[in-house]
Amino acid sequence: PPMHHGLLRRVIYFEFLSAAQVAAER
């Protein structure tokens, strides 16, 4: 939900897969 009381929230997101899964699922 929205943040009302804090000043700042910074989150970095990295998403990972395997090459085998990419090939299998196209």
PDB file of all heavy atoms in Angstrom:
ATOM      1  N   PRO A   1       0.835  -1.205   0.000  1.00  0.00           N
ATOM      2  CA  PRO A   1       0.000   0.000   0.000  1.00  0.00           C
ATOM      3  C   PRO A   1       0.865   1.248   0.000  1.00  0.00           C
ATOM      4  O   PRO A   1       2.092   1.176   0.141  1.00  0.00           O
ATOM      5  CB  PRO A   1      -0.796  -0.131   1.302  1.00  0.00           C
ATOM      6  CG  PRO A   1       0.079  -0.959   2.189  1.00  0.00           C
ATOM      7  CD  PRO A   1       0.831  -1.894   1.287  1.00  0.00           C
ATOM      8  N   PRO A   2       0.257   2.429  -0.146  1.00  0.00           N
ATOM      9  CA  PRO A   2       1.043   3.677  -0.101  1.00  0.00           C
ATOM     10  C   PRO A   2       1.738   3.856   1.250  1.00  0.00           C
ATOM     11  O   PRO A   2       1.304   3.325   2.273  1.00  0.00           O
ATOM     12  CB  PRO A   2      -0.018   4.762  -0.317  1.00  0.00           C
ATOM     13  CG  PRO A   2      -1.152   4.074  -0.987  1.00  0.00           C
ATOM     14  CD  PRO A   2      -1.152   2.676  -0.456  1.00  0.00           C
ATOM     15  N   MET A   3       2.832   4.597   1.237  1.00  0.00           N
ATOM     16  CA  MET A   3       3.563   4.937   2.449  1.00  0.00           C
ATOM     17  C   MET A   3       3.141   6.344   2.885  1.00  0.00           C
ATOM     18  O   MET A   3       3.231   7.292   2.096  1.00  0.00           O
ATOM     19  CB  MET A   3       5.067   4.890   2.182  1.00  0.00           C
ATOM     20  CG  MET A   3       5.921   5.133   3.419  1.00  0.00           C
ATOM     21  SD  MET A   3       7.694   4.923   3.076  1.00  0.00           S
ATOM     22  CE  MET A   3       8.014   6.334   2.017  1.00  0.00           C
ATOM     23  N   HIS A   4       2.695   6.485   4.111  1.00  0.00           N
ATOM     24  CA  HIS A   4       2.177   7.773   4.580  1.00  0.00           C
ATOM     25  C   HIS A   4       3.120   8.492   5.539  1.00  0.00           C
ATOM     26  O   HIS A   4       3.182   9.718   5.550  1.00  0.00           O
ATOM     27  CB  HIS A   4       0.825   7.575   5.255  1.00  0.00           C
ATOM     28  CG  HIS A   4      -0.234   7.041   4.338  1.00  0.00           C
ATOM     29  ND1 HIS A   4      -0.765   7.784   3.303  1.00  0.00           N
ATOM     30  CD2 HIS A   4      -0.841   5.824   4.285  1.00  0.00           C
ATOM     31  CE1 HIS A   4      -1.672   7.070   2.656  1.00  0.00           C
ATOM     32  NE2 HIS A   4      -1.724   5.869   3.223  1.00  0.00           N
ATOM     33  N   HIS A   5       3.845   7.751   6.370  1.00  0.00           N
ATOM     34  CA  HIS A   5       4.603   8.383   7.450  1.00  0.00           C
ATOM     35  C   HIS A   5       6.109   8.428   7.191  1.00  0.00           C
ATOM     36  O   HIS A   5       6.793   9.340   7.640  1.00  0.00           O
ATOM     37  CB  HIS A   5       4.319   7.659   8.767  1.00  0.00           C
ATOM     38  CG  HIS A   5       2.860   7.601   9.097  1.00  0.00           C
ATOM     39  ND1 HIS A   5       2.107   8.721   9.364  1.00  0.00           N
ATOM     40  CD2 HIS A   5       2.000   6.541   9.178  1.00  0.00           C
ATOM     41  CE1 HIS A   5       0.856   8.381   9.608  1.00  0.00           C
ATOM     42  NE2 HIS A   5       0.761   7.060   9.499  1.00  0.00           N
ATOM     43  N   GLY A   6       6.640   7.421   6.487  1.00  0.00           N
ATOM     44  CA  GLY A   6       8.068   7.440   6.182  1.00  0.00           C
ATOM     45  C   GLY A   6       8.407   8.512   5.162  1.00  0.00           C
ATOM     46  O   GLY A   6       7.532   9.075   4.494  1.00  0.00           O
ATOM     47  N   LEU A   7       9.676   8.810   5.028  1.00  0.00           N
ATOM     48  CA  LEU A   7      10.123   9.839   4.085  1.00  0.00           C
ATOM     49  C   LEU A   7      10.463   9.256   2.720  1.00  0.00           C
ATOM     50  O   LEU A   7      10.101   9.820   1.685  1.00  0.00           O
ATOM     51  CB  LEU A   7      11.337  10.575   4.659  1.00  0.00           C
ATOM     52  CG  LEU A   7      11.097  11.385   5.920  1.00  0.00           C
ATOM     53  CD1 LEU A   7      12.408  12.008   6.404  1.00  0.00           C
ATOM     54  CD2 LEU A   7      10.057  12.472   5.671  1.00  0.00           C
ATOM     55  N   LEU A   8      11.171   8.116   2.702  1.00  0.00           N
ATOM     56  CA  LEU A   8      11.672   7.576   1.441  1.00  0.00           C
ATOM     57  C   LEU A   8      11.910   6.086   1.607  1.00  0.00           C
ATOM     58  O   LEU A   8      12.451   5.642   2.634  1.00  0.00           O
ATOM     59  CB  LEU A   8      12.978   8.279   1.056  1.00  0.00           C
ATOM     60  CG  LEU A   8      13.562   8.003  -0.326  1.00  0.00           C
ATOM     61  CD1 LEU A   8      12.635   8.494  -1.426  1.00  0.00           C
ATOM     62  CD2 LEU A   8      14.931   8.684  -0.456  1.00  0.00           C
ATOM     63  N   ARG A   9      11.513   5.312   0.609  1.00  0.00           N
ATOM     64  CA  ARG A   9      11.812   3.881   0.587  1.00  0.00           C
ATOM     65  C   ARG A   9      12.281   3.520  -0.802  1.00  0.00           C
ATOM     66  O   ARG A   9      11.527   3.557  -1.769  1.00  0.00           O
ATOM     67  CB  ARG A   9      10.578   3.049   0.949  1.00  0.00           C
ATOM     68  CG  ARG A   9      10.934   1.586   1.276  1.00  0.00           C
ATOM     69  CD  ARG A   9       9.748   0.660   1.117  1.00  0.00           C
ATOM     70  NE  ARG A   9       9.483   0.401  -0.296  1.00  0.00           N
ATOM     71  CZ  ARG A   9       8.529  -0.427  -0.710  1.00  0.00           C
ATOM     72  NH1 ARG A   9       7.736  -1.020   0.152  1.00  0.00           N
ATOM     73  NH2 ARG A   9       8.351  -0.628  -2.007  1.00  0.00           N
ATOM     74  N   ARG A  10      13.571   3.163  -0.913  1.00  0.00           N
ATOM     75  CA  ARG A  10      14.187   2.808  -2.185  1.00  0.00           C
ATOM     76  C   ARG A  10      14.516   1.318  -2.175  1.00  0.00           C
ATOM     77  O   ARG A  10      15.205   0.845  -1.272  1.00  0.00           O
ATOM     78  CB  ARG A  10      15.467   3.618  -2.399  1.00  0.00           C
ATOM     79  CG  ARG A  10      15.238   5.128  -2.451  1.00  0.00           C
ATOM     80  CD  ARG A  10      16.520   5.922  -2.217  1.00  0.00           C
ATOM     81  NE  ARG A  10      16.955   5.817  -0.819  1.00  0.00           N
ATOM     82  CZ  ARG A  10      17.979   6.494  -0.311  1.00  0.00           C
ATOM     83  NH1 ARG A  10      18.690   7.317  -1.084  1.00  0.00           N
ATOM     84  NH2 ARG A  10      18.309   6.359   0.960  1.00  0.00           N
ATOM     85  N   VAL A  11      14.024   0.592  -3.182  1.00  0.00           N
ATOM     86  CA  VAL A  11      14.287  -0.840  -3.279  1.00  0.00           C
ATOM     87  C   VAL A  11      14.775  -1.149  -4.690  1.00  0.00           C
ATOM     88  O   VAL A  11      14.132  -0.774  -5.674  1.00  0.00           O
ATOM     89  CB  VAL A  11      13.030  -1.679  -2.969  1.00  0.00           C
ATOM     90  CG1 VAL A  11      13.390  -3.170  -2.951  1.00  0.00           C
ATOM     91  CG2 VAL A  11      12.408  -1.272  -1.639  1.00  0.00           C
ATOM     92  N   ILE A  12      15.912  -1.828  -4.777  1.00  0.00           N
ATOM     93  CA  ILE A  12      16.440  -2.312  -6.053  1.00  0.00           C
ATOM     94  C   ILE A  12      15.958  -3.741  -6.252  1.00  0.00           C
ATOM     95  O   ILE A  12      16.012  -4.564  -5.328  1.00  0.00           O
ATOM     96  CB  ILE A  12      17.976  -2.271  -6.059  1.00  0.00           C
ATOM     97  CG1 ILE A  12      18.471  -0.821  -5.969  1.00  0.00           C
ATOM     98  CG2 ILE A  12      18.542  -2.952  -7.306  1.00  0.00           C
ATOM     99  CD1 ILE A  12      19.961  -0.708  -5.769  1.00  0.00           C
ATOM    100  N   TYR A  13      15.500  -4.037  -7.473  1.00  0.00           N
ATOM    101  CA  TYR A  13      15.021  -5.382  -7.786  1.00  0.00           C
ATOM    102  C   TYR A  13      15.862  -5.990  -8.895  1.00  0.00           C
ATOM    103  O   TYR A  13      16.043  -5.389  -9.952  1.00  0.00           O
ATOM    104  CB  TYR A  13      13.548  -5.354  -8.203  1.00  0.00           C
ATOM    105  CG  TYR A  13      12.621  -5.020  -7.065  1.00  0.00           C
ATOM    106  CD1 TYR A  13      12.130  -3.724  -6.906  1.00  0.00           C
ATOM    107  CD2 TYR A  13      12.253  -5.987  -6.136  1.00  0.00           C
ATOM    108  CE1 TYR A  13      11.281  -3.415  -5.847  1.00  0.00           C
ATOM    109  CE2 TYR A  13      11.405  -5.684  -5.083  1.00  0.00           C
ATOM    110  CZ  TYR A  13      10.923  -4.401  -4.941  1.00  0.00           C
ATOM    111  OH  TYR A  13      10.099  -4.091  -3.893  1.00  0.00           O
ATOM    112  N   PHE A  14      16.365  -7.202  -8.649  1.00  0.00           N
ATOM    113  CA  PHE A  14      17.024  -8.026  -9.648  1.00  0.00           C
ATOM    114  C   PHE A  14      16.182  -9.286  -9.839  1.00  0.00           C
ATOM    115  O   PHE A  14      15.810  -9.936  -8.855  1.00  0.00           O
ATOM    116  CB  PHE A  14      18.430  -8.441  -9.208  1.00  0.00           C
ATOM    117  CG  PHE A  14      19.430  -7.323  -9.153  1.00  0.00           C
ATOM    118  CD1 PHE A  14      20.440  -7.330  -8.187  1.00  0.00           C
ATOM    119  CD2 PHE A  14      19.389  -6.273 -10.053  1.00  0.00           C
ATOM    120  CE1 PHE A  14      21.382  -6.320  -8.134  1.00  0.00           C
ATOM    121  CE2 PHE A  14      20.334  -5.247  -9.995  1.00  0.00           C
ATOM    122  CZ  PHE A  14      21.327  -5.275  -9.042  1.00  0.00           C
ATOM    123  N   GLU A  15      15.915  -9.652 -11.085  1.00  0.00           N
ATOM    124  CA  GLU A  15      15.153 -10.864 -11.369  1.00  0.00           C
ATOM    125  C   GLU A  15      16.033 -11.843 -12.143  1.00  0.00           C
ATOM    126  O   GLU A  15      16.685 -11.459 -13.114  1.00  0.00           O
ATOM    127  CB  GLU A  15      13.896 -10.534 -12.175  1.00  0.00           C
ATOM    128  CG  GLU A  15      12.915  -9.672 -11.393  1.00  0.00           C
ATOM    129  CD  GLU A  15      11.637  -9.378 -12.156  1.00  0.00           C
ATOM    130  OE1 GLU A  15      11.586  -9.665 -13.384  1.00  0.00           O
ATOM    131  OE2 GLU A  15      10.687  -8.872 -11.547  1.00  0.00           O
ATOM    132  N   PHE A  16      16.023 -13.109 -11.693  1.00  0.00           N
ATOM    133  CA  PHE A  16      16.909 -14.120 -12.257  1.00  0.00           C
ATOM    134  C   PHE A  16      16.117 -15.308 -12.802  1.00  0.00           C
ATOM    135  O   PHE A  16      15.113 -15.730 -12.226  1.00  0.00           O
ATOM    136  CB  PHE A  16      17.872 -14.644 -11.186  1.00  0.00           C
ATOM    137  CG  PHE A  16      18.877 -13.643 -10.712  1.00  0.00           C
ATOM    138  CD1 PHE A  16      18.630 -12.864  -9.596  1.00  0.00           C
ATOM    139  CD2 PHE A  16      20.073 -13.475 -11.388  1.00  0.00           C
ATOM    140  CE1 PHE A  16      19.575 -11.946  -9.135  1.00  0.00           C
ATOM    141  CE2 PHE A  16      21.022 -12.559 -10.945  1.00  0.00           C
ATOM    142  CZ  PHE A  16      20.767 -11.793  -9.817  1.00  0.00           C
ATOM    143  N   LEU A  17      16.627 -15.846 -13.900  1.00  0.00           N
ATOM    144  CA  LEU A  17      16.130 -17.072 -14.523  1.00  0.00           C
ATOM    145  C   LEU A  17      17.326 -17.953 -14.865  1.00  0.00           C
ATOM    146  O   LEU A  17      18.472 -17.521 -14.781  1.00  0.00           O
ATOM    147  CB  LEU A  17      15.396 -16.752 -15.827  1.00  0.00           C
ATOM    148  CG  LEU A  17      13.941 -16.291 -15.775  1.00  0.00           C
ATOM    149  CD1 LEU A  17      13.515 -15.795 -17.150  1.00  0.00           C
ATOM    150  CD2 LEU A  17      13.044 -17.422 -15.327  1.00  0.00           C
ATOM    151  N   SER A  18      17.035 -19.179 -15.306  1.00  0.00           N
ATOM    152  CA  SER A  18      18.083 -20.027 -15.871  1.00  0.00           C
ATOM    153  C   SER A  18      17.882 -20.128 -17.377  1.00  0.00           C
ATOM    154  O   SER A  18      16.757 -20.066 -17.870  1.00  0.00           O
ATOM    155  CB  SER A  18      18.049 -21.421 -15.247  1.00  0.00           C
ATOM    156  OG  SER A  18      16.990 -22.187 -15.779  1.00  0.00           O
ATOM    157  N   ALA A  19      18.957 -20.294 -18.095  1.00  0.00           N
ATOM    158  CA  ALA A  19      18.878 -20.433 -19.545  1.00  0.00           C
ATOM    159  C   ALA A  19      18.088 -21.682 -19.933  1.00  0.00           C
ATOM    160  O   ALA A  19      17.351 -21.680 -20.919  1.00  0.00           O
ATOM    161  CB  ALA A  19      20.285 -20.482 -20.139  1.00  0.00           C
ATOM    162  N   ALA A  20      18.211 -22.749 -19.143  1.00  0.00           N
ATOM    163  CA  ALA A  20      17.483 -23.980 -19.448  1.00  0.00           C
ATOM    164  C   ALA A  20      15.973 -23.746 -19.378  1.00  0.00           C
ATOM    165  O   ALA A  20      15.213 -24.246 -20.215  1.00  0.00           O
ATOM    166  CB  ALA A  20      17.886 -25.075 -18.482  1.00  0.00           C
ATOM    167  N   GLN A  21      15.537 -22.996 -18.390  1.00  0.00           N
ATOM    168  CA  GLN A  21      14.098 -22.705 -18.289  1.00  0.00           C
ATOM    169  C   GLN A  21      13.621 -21.840 -19.432  1.00  0.00           C
ATOM    170  O   GLN A  21      12.551 -22.062 -19.992  1.00  0.00           O
ATOM    171  CB  GLN A  21      13.801 -22.015 -16.956  1.00  0.00           C
ATOM    172  CG  GLN A  21      12.318 -21.711 -16.803  1.00  0.00           C
ATOM    173  CD  GLN A  21      11.992 -21.103 -15.464  1.00  0.00           C
ATOM    174  OE1 GLN A  21      12.801 -21.134 -14.555  1.00  0.00           O
ATOM    175  NE2 GLN A  21      10.781 -20.559 -15.345  1.00  0.00           N
ATOM    176  N   VAL A  22      14.410 -20.845 -19.803  1.00  0.00           N
ATOM    177  CA  VAL A  22      14.045 -19.978 -20.924  1.00  0.00           C
ATOM    178  C   VAL A  22      13.880 -20.797 -22.199  1.00  0.00           C
ATOM    179  O   VAL A  22      12.925 -20.615 -22.960  1.00  0.00           O
ATOM    180  CB  VAL A  22      15.105 -18.881 -21.103  1.00  0.00           C
ATOM    181  CG1 VAL A  22      14.912 -18.166 -22.439  1.00  0.00           C
ATOM    182  CG2 VAL A  22      15.038 -17.888 -19.956  1.00  0.00           C
ATOM    183  N   ALA A  23      14.801 -21.732 -22.420  1.00  0.00           N
ATOM    184  CA  ALA A  23      14.729 -22.558 -23.621  1.00  0.00           C
ATOM    185  C   ALA A  23      13.523 -23.485 -23.572  1.00  0.00           C
ATOM    186  O   ALA A  23      12.811 -23.653 -24.563  1.00  0.00           O
ATOM    187  CB  ALA A  23      16.016 -23.369 -23.761  1.00  0.00           C
ATOM    188  N   ALA A  24      13.261 -24.083 -22.411  1.00  0.00           N
ATOM    189  CA  ALA A  24      12.161 -25.037 -22.288  1.00  0.00           C
ATOM    190  C   ALA A  24      10.801 -24.364 -22.456  1.00  0.00           C
ATOM    191  O   ALA A  24       9.879 -24.929 -23.053  1.00  0.00           O
ATOM    192  CB  ALA A  24      12.233 -25.752 -20.935  1.00  0.00           C
ATOM    193  N   GLU A  25      10.679 -23.150 -21.910  1.00  0.00           N
ATOM    194  CA  GLU A  25       9.395 -22.458 -21.950  1.00  0.00           C
ATOM    195  C   GLU A  25       9.288 -21.441 -23.092  1.00  0.00           C
ATOM    196  O   GLU A  25       8.252 -20.802 -23.246  1.00  0.00           O
ATOM    197  CB  GLU A  25       9.152 -21.768 -20.611  1.00  0.00           C
ATOM    198  CG  GLU A  25       9.103 -22.749 -19.460  1.00  0.00           C
ATOM    199  CD  GLU A  25       8.797 -22.078 -18.137  1.00  0.00           C
ATOM    200  OE1 GLU A  25       8.322 -20.931 -18.132  1.00  0.00           O
ATOM    201  OE2 GLU A  25       9.040 -22.697 -17.091  1.00  0.00           O
ATOM    202  N   ARG A  26      10.351 -21.316 -23.871  1.00  0.00           N
ATOM    203  CA  ARG A  26      10.365 -20.388 -25.005  1.00  0.00           C
ATOM    204  C   ARG A  26       9.970 -18.976 -24.555  1.00  0.00           C
ATOM    205  O   ARG A  26       9.155 -18.303 -25.189  1.00  0.00           O
ATOM    206  CB  ARG A  26       9.448 -20.876 -26.117  1.00  0.00           C
ATOM    207  CG  ARG A  26       9.855 -22.240 -26.653  1.00  0.00           C
ATOM    208  CD  ARG A  26       8.949 -22.709 -27.773  1.00  0.00           C
ATOM    209  NE  ARG A  26       9.358 -24.031 -28.261  1.00  0.00           N
ATOM    210  CZ  ARG A  26       8.744 -24.681 -29.229  1.00  0.00           C
ATOM    211  NH1 ARG A  26       7.663 -24.161 -29.816  1.00  0.00           N
ATOM    212  NH2 ARG A  26       9.174 -25.874 -29.603  1.00  0.00           N
TER     213      ARG A  26
END
